[in-house]
Amino acid sequence: MNLMRWADMEDLEQMIRRKDVVPERTCVLCHDQLPDPSRFLRVSVIPHDPEAFARALFAELFVCDRLNPDLIVVETVPSTHTWDGIRNRLERAAMD
């Protein structure tokens, strides 16, 4: 799993390709910057509320894992106090 922030669809696709992965084999979990779902294996829109995001995130990661993607991208969450716990766990998971 990789945490990413992108400006637009082209930016996201370039970041994915730099990891030697094609977008068509990538699952994207996002909450703000919504890419075109036809270009990816799966695009999931997760709520922009911290509590709802946390609940939806693990369910979506499970679904993505079953699709056996080459890469799972999670859009970086906001840098605010209310998101600290989620951001910390995502950053640790991205290191594995």
N, C-alpha and C. Protein backbone atom coordinates (compact mmCIF):
# COMPACT_ATOMS: atom_id res chain seq x y z
N MET A 1 0.84 -1.17 0.00
CA MET A 1 0.00 0.00 0.00
C MET A 1 0.89 1.24 0.00
N ASN A 2 0.48 2.23 -0.77
CA ASN A 2 1.20 3.49 -0.85
C ASN A 2 0.26 4.65 -0.58
N LEU A 3 0.74 5.61 0.19
CA LEU A 3 0.01 6.85 0.41
C LEU A 3 0.46 7.84 -0.64
N MET A 4 -0.50 8.49 -1.29
CA MET A 4 -0.16 9.45 -2.34
C MET A 4 -1.12 10.62 -2.29
N ARG A 5 -0.64 11.76 -2.74
CA ARG A 5 -1.48 12.94 -2.98
C ARG A 5 -1.20 13.33 -4.42
N TRP A 6 -2.23 13.56 -5.19
CA TRP A 6 -2.06 13.89 -6.60
C TRP A 6 -2.87 15.13 -6.94
N ALA A 7 -2.40 15.82 -7.97
CA ALA A 7 -3.05 17.06 -8.42
C ALA A 7 -4.21 16.76 -9.37
N ASP A 8 -4.00 15.76 -10.22
CA ASP A 8 -5.01 15.39 -11.21
C ASP A 8 -4.74 13.96 -11.66
N MET A 9 -5.56 13.50 -12.58
CA MET A 9 -5.47 12.12 -13.05
C MET A 9 -4.09 11.82 -13.66
N GLU A 10 -3.58 12.73 -14.46
CA GLU A 10 -2.27 12.52 -15.10
C GLU A 10 -1.18 12.39 -14.04
N ASP A 11 -1.23 13.21 -13.03
CA ASP A 11 -0.26 13.17 -11.94
C ASP A 11 -0.32 11.81 -11.24
N LEU A 12 -1.51 11.32 -10.93
CA LEU A 12 -1.67 10.02 -10.28
C LEU A 12 -1.12 8.90 -11.15
N GLU A 13 -1.46 8.91 -12.42
CA GLU A 13 -0.97 7.86 -13.31
C GLU A 13 0.55 7.88 -13.42
N GLN A 14 1.15 9.05 -13.46
CA GLN A 14 2.62 9.14 -13.51
C GLN A 14 3.26 8.56 -12.25
N MET A 15 2.70 8.88 -11.09
CA MET A 15 3.25 8.35 -9.84
C MET A 15 3.15 6.83 -9.79
N ILE A 16 2.05 6.29 -10.29
CA ILE A 16 1.86 4.84 -10.31
C ILE A 16 2.86 4.20 -11.27
N ARG A 17 3.02 4.78 -12.46
CA ARG A 17 3.95 4.22 -13.45
C ARG A 17 5.40 4.28 -12.96
N ARG A 18 5.75 5.28 -12.14
CA ARG A 18 7.10 5.35 -11.57
C ARG A 18 7.39 4.16 -10.65
N LYS A 19 6.35 3.51 -10.19
CA LYS A 19 6.51 2.32 -9.36
C LYS A 19 6.49 1.05 -10.21
N ASP A 20 6.59 1.22 -11.53
CA ASP A 20 6.57 0.12 -12.49
C ASP A 20 5.28 -0.70 -12.41
N VAL A 21 4.17 0.00 -12.24
CA VAL A 21 2.85 -0.61 -12.18
C VAL A 21 1.96 0.13 -13.17
N VAL A 22 1.05 -0.58 -13.79
CA VAL A 22 0.10 0.07 -14.69
C VAL A 22 -1.17 0.42 -13.90
N PRO A 23 -1.80 1.52 -14.24
CA PRO A 23 -3.02 1.91 -13.54
C PRO A 23 -4.10 0.82 -13.54
N GLU A 24 -4.18 0.07 -14.62
CA GLU A 24 -5.21 -0.96 -14.74
C GLU A 24 -5.06 -2.08 -13.71
N ARG A 25 -3.91 -2.16 -13.05
CA ARG A 25 -3.66 -3.17 -12.00
C ARG A 25 -3.55 -2.50 -10.63
N THR A 26 -4.16 -1.32 -10.51
CA THR A 26 -4.07 -0.53 -9.28
C THR A 26 -5.45 -0.25 -8.71
N CYS A 27 -5.58 -0.42 -7.40
CA CYS A 27 -6.78 0.00 -6.68
C CYS A 27 -6.49 1.34 -6.04
N VAL A 28 -7.43 2.26 -6.14
CA VAL A 28 -7.26 3.61 -5.59
C VAL A 28 -8.37 3.86 -4.57
N LEU A 29 -7.97 4.21 -3.35
CA LEU A 29 -8.91 4.57 -2.30
C LEU A 29 -8.76 6.07 -2.08
N CYS A 30 -9.80 6.83 -2.35
CA CYS A 30 -9.68 8.28 -2.32
C CYS A 30 -10.84 8.90 -1.56
N HIS A 31 -10.65 10.17 -1.21
CA HIS A 31 -11.70 10.89 -0.51
C HIS A 31 -11.87 12.31 -1.03
N ASP A 32 -10.90 12.81 -1.79
CA ASP A 32 -10.95 14.20 -2.27
C ASP A 32 -10.74 14.28 -3.78
N GLN A 33 -9.63 13.77 -4.26
CA GLN A 33 -9.29 13.78 -5.68
C GLN A 33 -9.78 12.48 -6.32
N LEU A 34 -10.87 12.54 -7.06
CA LEU A 34 -11.51 11.35 -7.59
C LEU A 34 -11.05 11.07 -9.02
N PRO A 35 -10.30 10.01 -9.24
CA PRO A 35 -9.86 9.68 -10.60
C PRO A 35 -10.96 8.96 -11.38
N ASP A 36 -10.77 8.89 -12.66
CA ASP A 36 -11.69 8.19 -13.56
C ASP A 36 -11.62 6.69 -13.27
N PRO A 37 -12.70 6.09 -12.80
CA PRO A 37 -12.66 4.67 -12.43
C PRO A 37 -12.40 3.72 -13.59
N SER A 38 -12.64 4.16 -14.80
CA SER A 38 -12.43 3.27 -15.95
C SER A 38 -10.94 3.01 -16.22
N ARG A 39 -10.06 3.78 -15.62
CA ARG A 39 -8.62 3.65 -15.86
C ARG A 39 -7.93 2.73 -14.84
N PHE A 40 -8.64 2.30 -13.81
CA PHE A 40 -8.03 1.55 -12.72
C PHE A 40 -8.77 0.25 -12.46
N LEU A 41 -8.11 -0.66 -11.77
CA LEU A 41 -8.74 -1.92 -11.39
C LEU A 41 -9.95 -1.65 -10.51
N ARG A 42 -9.80 -0.71 -9.57
CA ARG A 42 -10.91 -0.32 -8.69
C ARG A 42 -10.64 1.07 -8.15
N VAL A 43 -11.68 1.89 -8.09
CA VAL A 43 -11.62 3.19 -7.42
C VAL A 43 -12.73 3.19 -6.38
N SER A 44 -12.35 3.44 -5.14
CA SER A 44 -13.31 3.50 -4.05
C SER A 44 -13.27 4.89 -3.43
N VAL A 45 -14.43 5.49 -3.30
CA VAL A 45 -14.53 6.80 -2.67
C VAL A 45 -14.88 6.56 -1.21
N ILE A 46 -14.00 7.02 -0.34
CA ILE A 46 -14.17 6.83 1.10
C ILE A 46 -14.61 8.16 1.70
N PRO A 47 -15.51 8.14 2.68
CA PRO A 47 -15.99 9.39 3.28
C PRO A 47 -14.85 10.28 3.78
N HIS A 48 -15.11 11.58 3.75
CA HIS A 48 -14.10 12.56 4.17
C HIS A 48 -14.23 12.91 5.66
N ASP A 49 -14.96 12.13 6.40
CA ASP A 49 -15.10 12.26 7.84
C ASP A 49 -14.17 11.22 8.49
N PRO A 50 -13.34 11.59 9.46
CA PRO A 50 -12.38 10.64 10.02
C PRO A 50 -12.98 9.33 10.51
N GLU A 51 -14.07 9.38 11.24
CA GLU A 51 -14.66 8.15 11.77
C GLU A 51 -15.21 7.26 10.65
N ALA A 52 -15.94 7.86 9.73
CA ALA A 52 -16.49 7.10 8.61
C ALA A 52 -15.37 6.59 7.70
N PHE A 53 -14.33 7.40 7.53
CA PHE A 53 -13.18 6.99 6.72
C PHE A 53 -12.54 5.75 7.32
N ALA A 54 -12.31 5.75 8.64
CA ALA A 54 -11.67 4.61 9.30
C ALA A 54 -12.50 3.34 9.12
N ARG A 55 -13.80 3.44 9.27
CA ARG A 55 -14.66 2.26 9.10
C ARG A 55 -14.62 1.75 7.66
N ALA A 56 -14.72 2.66 6.71
CA ALA A 56 -14.75 2.26 5.30
C ALA A 56 -13.40 1.78 4.79
N LEU A 57 -12.33 2.34 5.32
CA LEU A 57 -10.99 2.01 4.84
C LEU A 57 -10.70 0.52 4.92
N PHE A 58 -10.91 -0.07 6.07
CA PHE A 58 -10.54 -1.47 6.24
C PHE A 58 -11.42 -2.39 5.40
N ALA A 59 -12.69 -2.05 5.24
CA ALA A 59 -13.56 -2.83 4.37
C ALA A 59 -13.08 -2.75 2.92
N GLU A 60 -12.70 -1.55 2.49
CA GLU A 60 -12.23 -1.37 1.11
C GLU A 60 -10.88 -2.05 0.89
N LEU A 61 -10.00 -1.99 1.87
CA LEU A 61 -8.72 -2.68 1.74
C LEU A 61 -8.94 -4.18 1.58
N PHE A 62 -9.89 -4.74 2.29
CA PHE A 62 -10.22 -6.16 2.17
C PHE A 62 -10.69 -6.49 0.76
N VAL A 63 -11.61 -5.67 0.22
CA VAL A 63 -12.11 -5.88 -1.14
C VAL A 63 -10.97 -5.78 -2.14
N CYS A 64 -10.13 -4.76 -2.00
CA CYS A 64 -9.00 -4.58 -2.92
C CYS A 64 -8.05 -5.76 -2.85
N ASP A 65 -7.75 -6.21 -1.66
CA ASP A 65 -6.83 -7.34 -1.49
C ASP A 65 -7.33 -8.58 -2.22
N ARG A 66 -8.62 -8.79 -2.22
CA ARG A 66 -9.20 -9.96 -2.92
C ARG A 66 -9.07 -9.84 -4.43
N LEU A 67 -8.91 -8.61 -4.95
CA LEU A 67 -8.73 -8.40 -6.40
C LEU A 67 -7.30 -8.65 -6.83
N ASN A 68 -6.40 -8.82 -5.85
CA ASN A 68 -4.99 -9.10 -6.11
C ASN A 68 -4.33 -8.04 -7.01
N PRO A 69 -4.42 -6.78 -6.62
CA PRO A 69 -3.81 -5.72 -7.45
C PRO A 69 -2.29 -5.73 -7.31
N ASP A 70 -1.63 -5.08 -8.24
CA ASP A 70 -0.18 -4.89 -8.12
C ASP A 70 0.13 -3.77 -7.14
N LEU A 71 -0.83 -2.86 -6.93
CA LEU A 71 -0.62 -1.73 -6.05
C LEU A 71 -1.96 -1.25 -5.51
N ILE A 72 -1.97 -0.86 -4.23
CA ILE A 72 -3.12 -0.18 -3.63
C ILE A 72 -2.64 1.21 -3.24
N VAL A 73 -3.32 2.21 -3.74
CA VAL A 73 -3.00 3.61 -3.44
C VAL A 73 -4.10 4.16 -2.53
N VAL A 74 -3.68 4.78 -1.44
CA VAL A 74 -4.62 5.46 -0.55
C VAL A 74 -4.27 6.94 -0.58
N GLU A 75 -5.28 7.75 -0.87
CA GLU A 75 -5.05 9.20 -0.89
C GLU A 75 -4.69 9.67 0.52
N THR A 76 -3.65 10.47 0.62
CA THR A 76 -3.19 11.01 1.89
C THR A 76 -4.33 11.77 2.57
N VAL A 77 -4.45 11.58 3.87
CA VAL A 77 -5.50 12.27 4.62
C VAL A 77 -5.00 13.64 5.08
N PRO A 78 -5.91 14.52 5.48
CA PRO A 78 -5.51 15.87 5.91
C PRO A 78 -4.55 15.85 7.11
N SER A 79 -3.75 16.89 7.20
CA SER A 79 -2.78 17.03 8.30
C SER A 79 -3.38 17.86 9.43
N THR A 80 -4.44 17.34 9.99
CA THR A 80 -5.08 18.01 11.12
C THR A 80 -5.16 17.05 12.29
N HIS A 81 -5.38 17.62 13.47
CA HIS A 81 -5.42 16.82 14.70
C HIS A 81 -6.45 15.70 14.63
N THR A 82 -7.61 15.96 14.04
CA THR A 82 -8.66 14.94 14.01
C THR A 82 -8.29 13.74 13.14
N TRP A 83 -7.33 13.91 12.25
CA TRP A 83 -6.90 12.83 11.38
C TRP A 83 -5.59 12.17 11.85
N ASP A 84 -4.99 12.63 12.94
CA ASP A 84 -3.68 12.14 13.38
C ASP A 84 -3.62 10.62 13.54
N GLY A 85 -4.58 10.03 14.21
CA GLY A 85 -4.55 8.58 14.43
C GLY A 85 -4.61 7.79 13.14
N ILE A 86 -5.48 8.19 12.25
CA ILE A 86 -5.61 7.50 10.97
C ILE A 86 -4.35 7.68 10.14
N ARG A 87 -3.85 8.92 10.08
CA ARG A 87 -2.64 9.19 9.31
C ARG A 87 -1.46 8.37 9.83
N ASN A 88 -1.33 8.28 11.15
CA ASN A 88 -0.24 7.52 11.76
C ASN A 88 -0.33 6.04 11.37
N ARG A 89 -1.49 5.47 11.45
CA ARG A 89 -1.65 4.05 11.10
C ARG A 89 -1.41 3.81 9.61
N LEU A 90 -1.89 4.72 8.77
CA LEU A 90 -1.65 4.58 7.33
C LEU A 90 -0.16 4.67 7.00
N GLU A 91 0.51 5.61 7.63
CA GLU A 91 1.96 5.76 7.38
C GLU A 91 2.72 4.53 7.82
N ARG A 92 2.36 3.95 8.96
CA ARG A 92 3.03 2.73 9.40
C ARG A 92 2.73 1.56 8.46
N ALA A 93 1.49 1.45 8.01
CA ALA A 93 1.12 0.37 7.09
C ALA A 93 1.84 0.54 5.75
N ALA A 94 2.03 1.75 5.31
CA ALA A 94 2.70 2.00 4.03
C ALA A 94 4.19 1.62 4.09
N MET A 95 4.77 1.60 5.29
CA MET A 95 6.18 1.24 5.44
C MET A 95 6.42 -0.25 5.29
N ASP A 96 5.39 -1.06 5.56
CA ASP A 96 5.55 -2.53 5.49
C ASP A 96 5.74 -3.02 4.08
